[in-house]
Amino acid sequence: MAENNPQVSIGMPVRNGEQYLAEALDSLLAQTFTDFELILSDNGSTDATADICQRYAARDRRIRYYRAEDNRGAAWNFNRVFELSRGEYFKWAAHDDICKPTFLDRCVDALQADPSVVLCHCGSGCIDADGAPIAPAALAALSGLTPRALAQIEQNERSRDLGAAQPHRRYRDVLLRTFWVFEIFGLIRAEALRTTGLHRPYYGSDKTLLAELSLLGPFGEIPEVLFFSRRHEGQSCTLASAQERESWLDARASQCNTWSQMVRVARGHFRVIARPEIAWHERLGCMAAAVSYTFQWTKWKRLLVEFWQERDSLTHTTLSETGKRP
C-alpha cells in the first residue's frame, strides 16, 4: 500500500440526499479515528446534493467528490465508491444514516486484533426522519411487520453466530437469521471485498454480498450501539413494486416482476457457494441453508400477494389505455 494511502476508506453513494446528507457527513467527520478518506459519489442528483458535497469537500481534504451526470442506479454507485477507494479497510455509508464518534475506532481495533475477521459491525438502532429512536411498535408498522414478526426477527438475530468458525454456520445465519442486513455498513477488509461480486444489479443483492463475505471469514461484533439506520419515506424499502425496486438499483433495468426478482436472488445465493476455497462438506451445509431460505413459506406468501397485485395493476393499466372499464 502506498505510504500516503489512508488506513480506512468510507464510500458514500448518494442521489438526491439533500435532506439528511449534512448530518450523515458530520457524523463521519466527527470520528475519533481520523486516518480515513471519504469518497462521495453523486449519482445524477437533481437537488442540492452537489452543492452540499462540494461545500464539505472544500473544507476537509479527506473528502473526494465525484459526480455522474446521469442516474446509473444504486448498485453501480455502491460499487463505484469501493472501486475508487485506497484504504486497507472499507466502509459503505448511507447518506441518511448516523455513526457514533467511536464507530471506526472500535471496528479498526477489532480487525487489527484478529486477522481472520473479514468484517466488523456493531450494535444498531433505528431512528426516524427527525433522528429520534423508533419504538418497536412504530418500527413494525414502518416495516410492514406485525409486532409478533418483529419480535421473532429480534430473537433470530440474538441467536445467530456470525463469528462461528464454520463457514456454513455463518452463511446460514446470514440467510436465515439476519433481516435488516445492517452489517453491510460495517468495516470490511478491502482485500476480501475485492474477491467478491460486490453489489449485483438486482434488489436484495446486499444480502447476497453479505452471505459471500461470511464464507471468507468470521464477522466481529461490537455490542455497543454505534450505528443508527434512518427510516423515512423515499427509501428503497418503501417502493411498492418489484419494477420500482429493480429500477432503483439498476436505472437501466428491463421489465421485472416479483417472481423474476426472487429467482435472481435465489440464484445469487447458490452461486456464491461455488467459491473454490469452500470445502465440499461446508458447501453442502451452505446448500441446505440456501434451500431453506429460498423455500420459506413467508417468501412464497409475499410472492403470491405481490404477483396478484402486479397482475391487477397491469390489467387496470391495459383497460385504461384501451378506454374500457373493468
C-alpha atoms as a PDB file:
ATOM      1  CA  MET A   1       0.000   0.000   0.000  1.00  0.00           C
ATOM      2  CA  ALA A   2       1.281   3.444  -0.875  1.00  0.00           C
ATOM      3  CA  GLU A   3       2.659   5.432   2.029  1.00  0.00           C
ATOM      4  CA  ASN A   4       0.074   8.210   1.737  1.00  0.00           C
ATOM      5  CA  ASN A   5      -2.933   5.938   1.473  1.00  0.00           C
ATOM      6  CA  PRO A   6      -5.364   6.146   4.394  1.00  0.00           C
ATOM      7  CA  GLN A   7      -5.987   3.102   6.548  1.00  0.00           C
ATOM      8  CA  VAL A   8      -9.767   3.372   6.119  1.00  0.00           C
ATOM      9  CA  SER A   9     -11.886   4.311   3.123  1.00  0.00           C
ATOM     10  CA  ILE A  10     -15.517   5.340   3.556  1.00  0.00           C
ATOM     11  CA  GLY A  11     -17.663   5.293   0.434  1.00  0.00           C
ATOM     12  CA  MET A  12     -20.924   7.218   0.378  1.00  0.00           C
ATOM     13  CA  PRO A  13     -23.098   6.725  -2.715  1.00  0.00           C
ATOM     14  CA  VAL A  14     -25.830   9.360  -2.882  1.00  0.00           C
ATOM     15  CA  ARG A  15     -28.641  10.532  -5.110  1.00  0.00           C
ATOM     16  CA  ASN A  16     -30.962  13.396  -4.119  1.00  0.00           C
ATOM     17  CA  GLY A  17     -29.975  13.182  -0.469  1.00  0.00           C
ATOM     18  CA  GLU A  18     -30.105  16.855   0.485  1.00  0.00           C
ATOM     19  CA  GLN A  19     -32.409  16.358   3.473  1.00  0.00           C
ATOM     20  CA  TYR A  20     -30.089  14.171   5.582  1.00  0.00           C
ATOM     21  CA  LEU A  21     -26.725  14.379   3.845  1.00  0.00           C
ATOM     22  CA  ALA A  22     -25.100  17.066   6.002  1.00  0.00           C
ATOM     23  CA  GLU A  23     -25.997  15.266   9.224  1.00  0.00           C
ATOM     24  CA  ALA A  24     -24.566  11.984   7.909  1.00  0.00           C
ATOM     25  CA  LEU A  25     -21.354  13.713   6.816  1.00  0.00           C
ATOM     26  CA  ASP A  26     -21.000  15.465  10.164  1.00  0.00           C
ATOM     27  CA  SER A  27     -21.233  12.132  11.998  1.00  0.00           C
ATOM     28  CA  LEU A  28     -18.424  10.692   9.866  1.00  0.00           C
ATOM     29  CA  LEU A  29     -16.164  13.715  10.133  1.00  0.00           C
ATOM     30  CA  ALA A  30     -16.591  13.610  13.929  1.00  0.00           C
ATOM     31  CA  GLN A  31     -14.997  10.136  14.167  1.00  0.00           C
ATOM     32  CA  THR A  32     -12.272   9.802  16.790  1.00  0.00           C
ATOM     33  CA  PHE A  33     -10.341   7.658  14.282  1.00  0.00           C
ATOM     34  CA  THR A  34      -9.119  10.177  11.715  1.00  0.00           C
ATOM     35  CA  ASP A  35      -6.935   8.259   9.230  1.00  0.00           C
ATOM     36  CA  PHE A  36      -9.624   7.865   6.573  1.00  0.00           C
ATOM     37  CA  GLU A  37     -10.753   9.139   3.209  1.00  0.00           C
ATOM     38  CA  LEU A  38     -14.397   9.846   2.431  1.00  0.00           C
ATOM     39  CA  ILE A  39     -15.479   9.209  -1.153  1.00  0.00           C
ATOM     40  CA  LEU A  40     -18.725  10.890  -2.221  1.00  0.00           C
ATOM     41  CA  SER A  41     -20.288   9.662  -5.449  1.00  0.00           C
ATOM     42  CA  ASP A  42     -23.239  11.741  -6.624  1.00  0.00           C
ATOM     43  CA  ASN A  43     -25.409   9.673  -8.949  1.00  0.00           C
ATOM     44  CA  GLY A  44     -27.056  12.348 -11.085  1.00  0.00           C
ATOM     45  CA  SER A  45     -28.738  14.267  -8.242  1.00  0.00           C
ATOM     46  CA  THR A  46     -31.200  16.976  -9.207  1.00  0.00           C
ATOM     47  CA  ASP A  47     -31.476  18.635  -5.782  1.00  0.00           C
ATOM     48  CA  ALA A  48     -28.882  20.433  -3.626  1.00  0.00           C
ATOM     49  CA  THR A  49     -26.769  17.300  -3.092  1.00  0.00           C
ATOM     50  CA  ALA A  50     -23.953  18.526  -5.365  1.00  0.00           C
ATOM     51  CA  ASP A  51     -23.702  21.857  -3.539  1.00  0.00           C
ATOM     52  CA  ILE A  52     -23.553  20.143  -0.144  1.00  0.00           C
ATOM     53  CA  CYS A  53     -20.892  17.681  -1.301  1.00  0.00           C
ATOM     54  CA  GLN A  54     -18.750  20.409  -2.845  1.00  0.00           C
ATOM     55  CA  ARG A  55     -19.003  22.555   0.274  1.00  0.00           C
ATOM     56  CA  TYR A  56     -17.841  19.718   2.529  1.00  0.00           C
ATOM     57  CA  ALA A  57     -15.066  18.672   0.116  1.00  0.00           C
ATOM     58  CA  ALA A  58     -13.739  22.231   0.092  1.00  0.00           C
ATOM     59  CA  ARG A  59     -13.392  22.314   3.857  1.00  0.00           C
ATOM     60  CA  ASP A  60     -11.926  18.823   4.506  1.00  0.00           C
ATOM     61  CA  ARG A  61      -9.080  17.403   2.411  1.00  0.00           C
ATOM     62  CA  ARG A  62     -10.060  13.827   3.299  1.00  0.00           C
ATOM     63  CA  ILE A  63     -13.171  14.134   1.118  1.00  0.00           C
ATOM     64  CA  ARG A  64     -13.113  13.295  -2.590  1.00  0.00           C
ATOM     65  CA  TYR A  65     -16.204  14.170  -4.603  1.00  0.00           C
ATOM     66  CA  TYR A  66     -17.273  12.565  -7.883  1.00  0.00           C
ATOM     67  CA  ARG A  67     -20.416  13.128  -9.909  1.00  0.00           C
ATOM     68  CA  ALA A  68     -22.184  11.193 -12.673  1.00  0.00           C
ATOM     69  CA  GLU A  69     -24.482  13.376 -14.735  1.00  0.00           C
ATOM     70  CA  ASP A  70     -26.989  10.568 -15.336  1.00  0.00           C
ATOM     71  CA  ASN A  71     -28.536   8.163 -12.830  1.00  0.00           C
ATOM     72  CA  ARG A  72     -26.937   4.754 -13.309  1.00  0.00           C
ATOM     73  CA  GLY A  73     -28.573   3.032 -10.363  1.00  0.00           C
ATOM     74  CA  ALA A  74     -27.654   2.350  -6.755  1.00  0.00           C
ATOM     75  CA  ALA A  75     -25.713  -0.880  -7.435  1.00  0.00           C
ATOM     76  CA  TRP A  76     -23.354   0.904  -9.812  1.00  0.00           C
ATOM     77  CA  ASN A  77     -22.884   3.745  -7.344  1.00  0.00           C
ATOM     78  CA  PHE A  78     -22.222   1.469  -4.365  1.00  0.00           C
ATOM     79  CA  ASN A  79     -19.617  -0.419  -6.376  1.00  0.00           C
ATOM     80  CA  ARG A  80     -18.080   2.764  -7.725  1.00  0.00           C
ATOM     81  CA  VAL A  81     -17.154   4.174  -4.307  1.00  0.00           C
ATOM     82  CA  PHE A  82     -15.364   0.934  -3.453  1.00  0.00           C
ATOM     83  CA  GLU A  83     -13.509   0.878  -6.765  1.00  0.00           C
ATOM     84  CA  LEU A  84     -12.294   4.427  -6.056  1.00  0.00           C
ATOM     85  CA  SER A  85     -11.090   3.530  -2.549  1.00  0.00           C
ATOM     86  CA  ARG A  86      -7.468   3.108  -1.432  1.00  0.00           C
ATOM     87  CA  GLY A  87      -7.683   2.005   2.196  1.00  0.00           C
ATOM     88  CA  GLU A  88      -6.882  -1.277   3.885  1.00  0.00           C
ATOM     89  CA  TYR A  89     -10.388  -1.288   5.348  1.00  0.00           C
ATOM     90  CA  PHE A  90     -13.583  -0.138   3.656  1.00  0.00           C
ATOM     91  CA  LYS A  91     -16.979   1.016   4.868  1.00  0.00           C
ATOM     92  CA  TRP A  92     -20.122   1.870   2.932  1.00  0.00           C
ATOM     93  CA  ALA A  93     -22.061   4.777   4.426  1.00  0.00           C
ATOM     94  CA  ALA A  94     -25.630   5.719   3.519  1.00  0.00           C
ATOM     95  CA  HIS A  95     -26.398   9.415   3.116  1.00  0.00           C
ATOM     96  CA  ASP A  96     -29.152   9.239   5.750  1.00  0.00           C
ATOM     97  CA  ASP A  97     -27.593   7.077   8.496  1.00  0.00           C
ATOM     98  CA  ILE A  98     -25.647   8.163  11.575  1.00  0.00           C
ATOM     99  CA  CYS A  99     -22.495   6.745  13.190  1.00  0.00           C
ATOM    100  CA  LYS A 100     -21.381   7.491  16.728  1.00  0.00           C
ATOM    101  CA  PRO A 101     -17.882   9.064  17.033  1.00  0.00           C
ATOM    102  CA  THR A 102     -16.172   5.843  18.152  1.00  0.00           C
ATOM    103  CA  PHE A 103     -17.570   3.640  15.378  1.00  0.00           C
ATOM    104  CA  LEU A 104     -14.380   3.494  13.301  1.00  0.00           C
ATOM    105  CA  ASP A 105     -12.058   3.326  16.314  1.00  0.00           C
ATOM    106  CA  ARG A 106     -13.791   0.280  17.733  1.00  0.00           C
ATOM    107  CA  CYS A 107     -14.069  -1.530  14.389  1.00  0.00           C
ATOM    108  CA  VAL A 108     -10.453  -0.891  13.384  1.00  0.00           C
ATOM    109  CA  ASP A 109      -9.258  -2.235  16.742  1.00  0.00           C
ATOM    110  CA  ALA A 110     -11.295  -5.411  16.255  1.00  0.00           C
ATOM    111  CA  LEU A 111      -9.951  -6.051  12.741  1.00  0.00           C
ATOM    112  CA  GLN A 112      -6.366  -5.451  13.833  1.00  0.00           C
ATOM    113  CA  ALA A 113      -6.750  -7.743  16.833  1.00  0.00           C
ATOM    114  CA  ASP A 114      -7.865 -10.740  14.725  1.00  0.00           C
ATOM    115  CA  PRO A 115      -6.618 -11.066  11.116  1.00  0.00           C
ATOM    116  CA  SER A 116      -9.186 -13.799  10.399  1.00  0.00           C
ATOM    117  CA  VAL A 117     -12.130 -11.393  10.833  1.00  0.00           C
ATOM    118  CA  VAL A 118     -13.270 -10.050   7.457  1.00  0.00           C
ATOM    119  CA  LEU A 119     -15.952  -7.645   8.660  1.00  0.00           C
ATOM    120  CA  CYS A 120     -16.671  -5.862  11.919  1.00  0.00           C
ATOM    121  CA  HIS A 121     -20.061  -4.426  12.746  1.00  0.00           C
ATOM    122  CA  CYS A 122     -21.651  -3.085  15.898  1.00  0.00           C
ATOM    123  CA  GLY A 123     -24.925  -2.785  17.719  1.00  0.00           C
ATOM    124  CA  SER A 124     -27.506  -0.955  15.610  1.00  0.00           C
ATOM    125  CA  GLY A 125     -30.641   1.078  16.177  1.00  0.00           C
ATOM    126  CA  CYS A 126     -33.317   2.732  14.064  1.00  0.00           C
ATOM    127  CA  ILE A 127     -34.179   6.429  14.071  1.00  0.00           C
ATOM    128  CA  ASP A 128     -36.976   8.354  12.401  1.00  0.00           C
ATOM    129  CA  ALA A 129     -36.803  11.270   9.985  1.00  0.00           C
ATOM    130  CA  ASP A 130     -36.096  13.656  12.873  1.00  0.00           C
ATOM    131  CA  GLY A 131     -33.355  11.470  14.369  1.00  0.00           C
ATOM    132  CA  ALA A 132     -35.433  10.183  17.292  1.00  0.00           C
ATOM    133  CA  PRO A 133     -35.308   6.480  18.276  1.00  0.00           C
ATOM    134  CA  ILE A 134     -38.189   4.451  16.861  1.00  0.00           C
ATOM    135  CA  ALA A 135     -40.243   2.383  19.297  1.00  0.00           C
ATOM    136  CA  PRO A 136     -40.710  -1.318  18.395  1.00  0.00           C
ATOM    137  CA  ALA A 137     -44.431  -0.924  17.554  1.00  0.00           C
ATOM    138  CA  ALA A 138     -43.716   2.004  15.232  1.00  0.00           C
ATOM    139  CA  LEU A 139     -40.775   0.161  13.627  1.00  0.00           C
ATOM    140  CA  ALA A 140     -43.004  -2.852  12.936  1.00  0.00           C
ATOM    141  CA  ALA A 141     -45.599  -0.623  11.268  1.00  0.00           C
ATOM    142  CA  LEU A 142     -42.994   1.207   9.183  1.00  0.00           C
ATOM    143  CA  SER A 143     -41.515  -2.098   8.046  1.00  0.00           C
ATOM    144  CA  GLY A 144     -44.845  -3.722   7.201  1.00  0.00           C
ATOM    145  CA  LEU A 145     -44.433  -6.254  10.010  1.00  0.00           C
ATOM    146  CA  THR A 146     -46.642  -7.428  12.834  1.00  0.00           C
ATOM    147  CA  PRO A 147     -45.269  -6.935  16.369  1.00  0.00           C
ATOM    148  CA  ARG A 148     -45.006 -10.708  16.623  1.00  0.00           C
ATOM    149  CA  ALA A 149     -42.959 -10.925  13.419  1.00  0.00           C
ATOM    150  CA  LEU A 150     -40.648  -8.152  14.636  1.00  0.00           C
ATOM    151  CA  ALA A 151     -40.142  -9.966  17.943  1.00  0.00           C
ATOM    152  CA  GLN A 152     -39.225 -13.147  16.030  1.00  0.00           C
ATOM    153  CA  ILE A 153     -36.720 -11.221  13.909  1.00  0.00           C
ATOM    154  CA  GLU A 154     -35.073  -9.799  17.019  1.00  0.00           C
ATOM    155  CA  GLN A 155     -34.930 -13.258  18.610  1.00  0.00           C
ATOM    156  CA  ASN A 156     -33.339 -14.712  15.466  1.00  0.00           C
ATOM    157  CA  GLU A 157     -30.680 -12.021  15.376  1.00  0.00           C
ATOM    158  CA  ARG A 158     -29.851 -12.556  19.056  1.00  0.00           C
ATOM    159  CA  SER A 159     -29.379 -16.295  18.454  1.00  0.00           C
ATOM    160  CA  ARG A 160     -27.124 -16.077  15.398  1.00  0.00           C
ATOM    161  CA  ASP A 161     -23.366 -16.590  15.431  1.00  0.00           C
ATOM    162  CA  LEU A 162     -21.734 -14.678  12.576  1.00  0.00           C
ATOM    163  CA  GLY A 163     -18.367 -15.250  14.225  1.00  0.00           C
ATOM    164  CA  ALA A 164     -18.615 -19.047  14.049  1.00  0.00           C
ATOM    165  CA  ALA A 165     -15.564 -20.993  12.865  1.00  0.00           C
ATOM    166  CA  GLN A 166     -17.522 -22.979  10.256  1.00  0.00           C
ATOM    167  CA  PRO A 167     -18.414 -21.102   7.029  1.00  0.00           C
ATOM    168  CA  HIS A 168     -21.751 -22.897   6.587  1.00  0.00           C
ATOM    169  CA  ARG A 169     -22.940 -21.725  10.007  1.00  0.00           C
ATOM    170  CA  ARG A 170     -22.092 -18.111   9.234  1.00  0.00           C
ATOM    171  CA  TYR A 171     -23.720 -18.406   5.809  1.00  0.00           C
ATOM    172  CA  ARG A 172     -26.828 -19.989   7.347  1.00  0.00           C
ATOM    173  CA  ASP A 173     -27.145 -17.265   9.942  1.00  0.00           C
ATOM    174  CA  VAL A 174     -26.850 -14.514   7.326  1.00  0.00           C
ATOM    175  CA  LEU A 175     -29.605 -16.079   5.235  1.00  0.00           C
ATOM    176  CA  LEU A 176     -31.956 -17.360   7.919  1.00  0.00           C
ATOM    177  CA  ARG A 177     -31.327 -15.193  10.969  1.00  0.00           C
ATOM    178  CA  THR A 178     -30.414 -11.796   9.533  1.00  0.00           C
ATOM    179  CA  PHE A 179     -33.245  -9.491   8.489  1.00  0.00           C
ATOM    180  CA  TRP A 180     -32.015  -5.889   8.459  1.00  0.00           C
ATOM    181  CA  VAL A 181     -28.610  -6.529   6.805  1.00  0.00           C
ATOM    182  CA  PHE A 182     -27.112  -3.560   8.700  1.00  0.00           C
ATOM    183  CA  GLU A 183     -23.810  -5.455   8.737  1.00  0.00           C
ATOM    184  CA  ILE A 184     -23.194  -4.406   5.133  1.00  0.00           C
ATOM    185  CA  PHE A 185     -22.422  -0.957   6.596  1.00  0.00           C
ATOM    186  CA  GLY A 186     -19.731  -2.392   8.860  1.00  0.00           C
ATOM    187  CA  LEU A 187     -15.979  -2.089   8.335  1.00  0.00           C
ATOM    188  CA  ILE A 188     -14.695  -4.649   5.804  1.00  0.00           C
ATOM    189  CA  ARG A 189     -11.233  -5.825   4.801  1.00  0.00           C
ATOM    190  CA  ALA A 190     -10.804  -4.392   1.299  1.00  0.00           C
ATOM    191  CA  GLU A 191      -8.658  -7.362   0.268  1.00  0.00           C
ATOM    192  CA  ALA A 192     -11.543  -9.745   0.980  1.00  0.00           C
ATOM    193  CA  LEU A 193     -14.165  -7.492  -0.566  1.00  0.00           C
ATOM    194  CA  ARG A 194     -12.248  -7.354  -3.847  1.00  0.00           C
ATOM    195  CA  THR A 195     -12.682 -11.106  -4.298  1.00  0.00           C
ATOM    196  CA  THR A 196     -16.495 -10.884  -4.206  1.00  0.00           C
ATOM    197  CA  GLY A 197     -19.066  -9.980  -6.829  1.00  0.00           C
ATOM    198  CA  LEU A 198     -19.856  -6.757  -4.900  1.00  0.00           C
ATOM    199  CA  HIS A 199     -23.411  -5.446  -5.335  1.00  0.00           C
ATOM    200  CA  ARG A 200     -25.177  -7.274  -8.133  1.00  0.00           C
ATOM    201  CA  PRO A 201     -27.768  -5.488 -10.311  1.00  0.00           C
ATOM    202  CA  TYR A 202     -30.846  -6.898  -8.579  1.00  0.00           C
ATOM    203  CA  TYR A 203     -32.751  -5.905  -5.463  1.00  0.00           C
ATOM    204  CA  GLY A 204     -31.637  -7.908  -2.426  1.00  0.00           C
ATOM    205  CA  SER A 205     -28.056  -8.321  -3.616  1.00  0.00           C
ATOM    206  CA  ASP A 206     -26.780  -6.693  -0.408  1.00  0.00           C
ATOM    207  CA  LYS A 207     -27.708  -9.896   1.414  1.00  0.00           C
ATOM    208  CA  THR A 208     -26.032 -11.950  -1.309  1.00  0.00           C
ATOM    209  CA  LEU A 209     -22.851  -9.952  -0.784  1.00  0.00           C
ATOM    210  CA  LEU A 210     -23.057 -10.319   2.988  1.00  0.00           C
ATOM    211  CA  ALA A 211     -23.509 -14.078   2.595  1.00  0.00           C
ATOM    212  CA  GLU A 212     -20.493 -14.242   0.288  1.00  0.00           C
ATOM    213  CA  LEU A 213     -18.369 -12.321   2.786  1.00  0.00           C
ATOM    214  CA  SER A 214     -19.438 -14.733   5.528  1.00  0.00           C
ATOM    215  CA  LEU A 215     -17.835 -17.547   3.533  1.00  0.00           C
ATOM    216  CA  LEU A 216     -14.470 -15.742   3.623  1.00  0.00           C
ATOM    217  CA  GLY A 217     -14.144 -15.473   7.392  1.00  0.00           C
ATOM    218  CA  PRO A 218     -15.915 -14.684  10.654  1.00  0.00           C
ATOM    219  CA  PHE A 219     -17.572 -11.369  11.457  1.00  0.00           C
ATOM    220  CA  GLY A 220     -16.642  -9.396  14.554  1.00  0.00           C
ATOM    221  CA  GLU A 221     -19.280  -7.579  16.559  1.00  0.00           C
ATOM    222  CA  ILE A 222     -19.077  -4.600  18.905  1.00  0.00           C
ATOM    223  CA  PRO A 223     -22.081  -4.926  21.259  1.00  0.00           C
ATOM    224  CA  GLU A 224     -22.315  -1.186  21.846  1.00  0.00           C
ATOM    225  CA  VAL A 225     -24.908   0.600  19.677  1.00  0.00           C
ATOM    226  CA  LEU A 226     -22.819   2.848  17.423  1.00  0.00           C
ATOM    227  CA  PHE A 227     -24.829   2.796  14.183  1.00  0.00           C
ATOM    228  CA  PHE A 228     -28.289   4.201  13.501  1.00  0.00           C
ATOM    229  CA  SER A 229     -30.319   3.449  10.387  1.00  0.00           C
ATOM    230  CA  ARG A 230     -32.785   6.176   9.498  1.00  0.00           C
ATOM    231  CA  ARG A 231     -36.263   5.085   8.414  1.00  0.00           C
ATOM    232  CA  HIS A 232     -38.193   7.572   6.303  1.00  0.00           C
ATOM    233  CA  GLU A 233     -40.320   7.953   3.213  1.00  0.00           C
ATOM    234  CA  GLY A 234     -38.416   7.735  -0.037  1.00  0.00           C
ATOM    235  CA  GLN A 235     -36.198   4.798   0.915  1.00  0.00           C
ATOM    236  CA  SER A 236     -35.916   1.862  -1.447  1.00  0.00           C
ATOM    237  CA  CYS A 237     -37.652  -0.400   1.079  1.00  0.00           C
ATOM    238  CA  THR A 238     -40.800   1.740   0.740  1.00  0.00           C
ATOM    239  CA  LEU A 239     -41.043   1.217  -3.034  1.00  0.00           C
ATOM    240  CA  ALA A 240     -44.274  -0.546  -3.879  1.00  0.00           C
ATOM    241  CA  SER A 241     -43.434  -2.769  -6.844  1.00  0.00           C
ATOM    242  CA  ALA A 242     -40.660  -5.105  -7.948  1.00  0.00           C
ATOM    243  CA  GLN A 243     -40.064  -2.946 -11.021  1.00  0.00           C
ATOM    244  CA  GLU A 244     -39.572   0.198  -8.908  1.00  0.00           C
ATOM    245  CA  ARG A 245     -37.124  -1.608  -6.643  1.00  0.00           C
ATOM    246  CA  GLU A 246     -35.217  -3.009  -9.602  1.00  0.00           C
ATOM    247  CA  SER A 247     -35.065   0.386 -11.321  1.00  0.00           C
ATOM    248  CA  TRP A 248     -33.741   1.981  -8.127  1.00  0.00           C
ATOM    249  CA  LEU A 249     -30.875  -0.497  -8.087  1.00  0.00           C
ATOM    250  CA  ASP A 250     -30.283  -0.527 -11.842  1.00  0.00           C
ATOM    251  CA  ALA A 251     -31.579   2.522 -13.723  1.00  0.00           C
ATOM    252  CA  ARG A 252     -31.335   0.601 -16.987  1.00  0.00           C
ATOM    253  CA  ALA A 253     -33.223  -2.456 -15.746  1.00  0.00           C
ATOM    254  CA  SER A 254     -35.687  -4.088 -18.114  1.00  0.00           C
ATOM    255  CA  GLN A 255     -39.211  -5.115 -17.148  1.00  0.00           C
ATOM    256  CA  CYS A 256     -39.179  -7.012 -13.864  1.00  0.00           C
ATOM    257  CA  ASN A 257     -41.757  -8.662 -11.615  1.00  0.00           C
ATOM    258  CA  THR A 258     -41.646 -10.169  -8.137  1.00  0.00           C
ATOM    259  CA  TRP A 259     -41.147 -13.703  -9.464  1.00  0.00           C
ATOM    260  CA  SER A 260     -38.111 -12.855 -11.604  1.00  0.00           C
ATOM    261  CA  GLN A 261     -36.667 -10.828  -8.727  1.00  0.00           C
ATOM    262  CA  MET A 262     -36.903 -13.785  -6.330  1.00  0.00           C
ATOM    263  CA  VAL A 263     -35.333 -16.113  -8.910  1.00  0.00           C
ATOM    264  CA  ARG A 264     -32.342 -13.784  -9.322  1.00  0.00           C
ATOM    265  CA  VAL A 265     -31.867 -13.533  -5.551  1.00  0.00           C
ATOM    266  CA  ALA A 266     -32.024 -17.310  -5.095  1.00  0.00           C
ATOM    267  CA  ARG A 267     -29.628 -17.877  -7.981  1.00  0.00           C
ATOM    268  CA  GLY A 268     -27.188 -15.397  -6.460  1.00  0.00           C
ATOM    269  CA  HIS A 269     -27.203 -17.173  -3.100  1.00  0.00           C
ATOM    270  CA  PHE A 270     -26.480 -20.531  -4.731  1.00  0.00           C
ATOM    271  CA  ARG A 271     -23.742 -19.135  -6.981  1.00  0.00           C
ATOM    272  CA  VAL A 272     -21.608 -17.731  -4.167  1.00  0.00           C
ATOM    273  CA  ILE A 273     -21.436 -21.202  -2.606  1.00  0.00           C
ATOM    274  CA  ALA A 274     -19.359 -22.307  -5.611  1.00  0.00           C
ATOM    275  CA  ARG A 275     -16.301 -20.346  -4.451  1.00  0.00           C
ATOM    276  CA  PRO A 276     -13.339 -22.735  -4.895  1.00  0.00           C
ATOM    277  CA  GLU A 277     -11.973 -22.278  -1.368  1.00  0.00           C
ATOM    278  CA  ILE A 278     -15.138 -23.716   0.219  1.00  0.00           C
ATOM    279  CA  ALA A 279     -14.686 -27.357   1.263  1.00  0.00           C
ATOM    280  CA  TRP A 280     -17.247 -29.811  -0.133  1.00  0.00           C
ATOM    281  CA  HIS A 281     -18.783 -30.615   3.256  1.00  0.00           C
ATOM    282  CA  GLU A 282     -19.138 -26.905   4.027  1.00  0.00           C
ATOM    283  CA  ARG A 283     -20.675 -26.373   0.591  1.00  0.00           C
ATOM    284  CA  LEU A 284     -23.317 -28.988   1.368  1.00  0.00           C
ATOM    285  CA  GLY A 285     -24.222 -27.178   4.576  1.00  0.00           C
ATOM    286  CA  CYS A 286     -24.479 -23.908   2.667  1.00  0.00           C
ATOM    287  CA  MET A 287     -26.708 -25.518   0.029  1.00  0.00           C
ATOM    288  CA  ALA A 288     -29.063 -26.770   2.728  1.00  0.00           C
ATOM    289  CA  ALA A 289     -29.282 -23.238   4.146  1.00  0.00           C
ATOM    290  CA  ALA A 290     -29.915 -21.754   0.686  1.00  0.00           C
ATOM    291  CA  VAL A 291     -32.712 -24.236   0.026  1.00  0.00           C
ATOM    292  CA  SER A 292     -34.312 -23.448   3.389  1.00  0.00           C
ATOM    293  CA  TYR A 293     -34.070 -19.729   2.697  1.00  0.00           C
ATOM    294  CA  THR A 294     -35.456 -19.967  -0.832  1.00  0.00           C
ATOM    295  CA  PHE A 295     -38.473 -22.042   0.134  1.00  0.00           C
ATOM    296  CA  GLN A 296     -39.568 -20.201   3.268  1.00  0.00           C
ATOM    297  CA  TRP A 297     -43.371 -20.011   3.326  1.00  0.00           C
ATOM    298  CA  THR A 298     -43.337 -16.294   4.156  1.00  0.00           C
ATOM    299  CA  LYS A 299     -41.436 -15.595   0.931  1.00  0.00           C
ATOM    300  CA  TRP A 300     -43.885 -17.531  -1.217  1.00  0.00           C
ATOM    301  CA  LYS A 301     -46.850 -15.932   0.528  1.00  0.00           C
ATOM    302  CA  ARG A 302     -45.428 -12.485  -0.237  1.00  0.00           C
ATOM    303  CA  LEU A 303     -44.678 -13.578  -3.789  1.00  0.00           C
ATOM    304  CA  LEU A 304     -48.282 -14.594  -4.366  1.00  0.00           C
ATOM    305  CA  VAL A 305     -49.632 -11.365  -2.894  1.00  0.00           C
ATOM    306  CA  GLU A 306     -47.307  -9.166  -4.944  1.00  0.00           C
ATOM    307  CA  PHE A 307     -47.902 -11.266  -8.062  1.00  0.00           C
ATOM    308  CA  TRP A 308     -51.643 -10.695  -7.916  1.00  0.00           C
ATOM    309  CA  GLN A 309     -51.157  -7.019  -7.133  1.00  0.00           C
ATOM    310  CA  GLU A 310     -48.907  -6.662 -10.178  1.00  0.00           C
ATOM    311  CA  ARG A 311     -51.395  -8.602 -12.306  1.00  0.00           C
ATOM    312  CA  ASP A 312     -54.284  -6.376 -11.204  1.00  0.00           C
ATOM    313  CA  SER A 313     -52.213  -3.258 -11.819  1.00  0.00           C
ATOM    314  CA  LEU A 314     -51.303  -4.444 -15.324  1.00  0.00           C
ATOM    315  CA  THR A 315     -54.956  -5.280 -16.053  1.00  0.00           C
ATOM    316  CA  HIS A 316     -56.167  -1.852 -14.956  1.00  0.00           C
ATOM    317  CA  THR A 317     -53.433  -0.139 -16.973  1.00  0.00           C
ATOM    318  CA  THR A 318     -54.361  -2.114 -20.099  1.00  0.00           C
ATOM    319  CA  LEU A 319     -58.049  -1.343 -19.702  1.00  0.00           C
ATOM    320  CA  SER A 320     -57.325   2.315 -19.144  1.00  0.00           C
ATOM    321  CA  GLU A 321     -55.177   2.503 -22.272  1.00  0.00           C
ATOM    322  CA  THR A 322     -57.916   0.886 -24.384  1.00  0.00           C
ATOM    323  CA  GLY A 323     -60.625   3.107 -22.930  1.00  0.00           C
ATOM    324  CA  LYS A 324     -62.526   0.182 -21.362  1.00  0.00           C
ATOM    325  CA  ARG A 325     -63.900  -0.139 -17.870  1.00  0.00           C
ATOM    326  CA  PRO A 326     -63.332  -3.137 -15.645  1.00  0.00           C
END
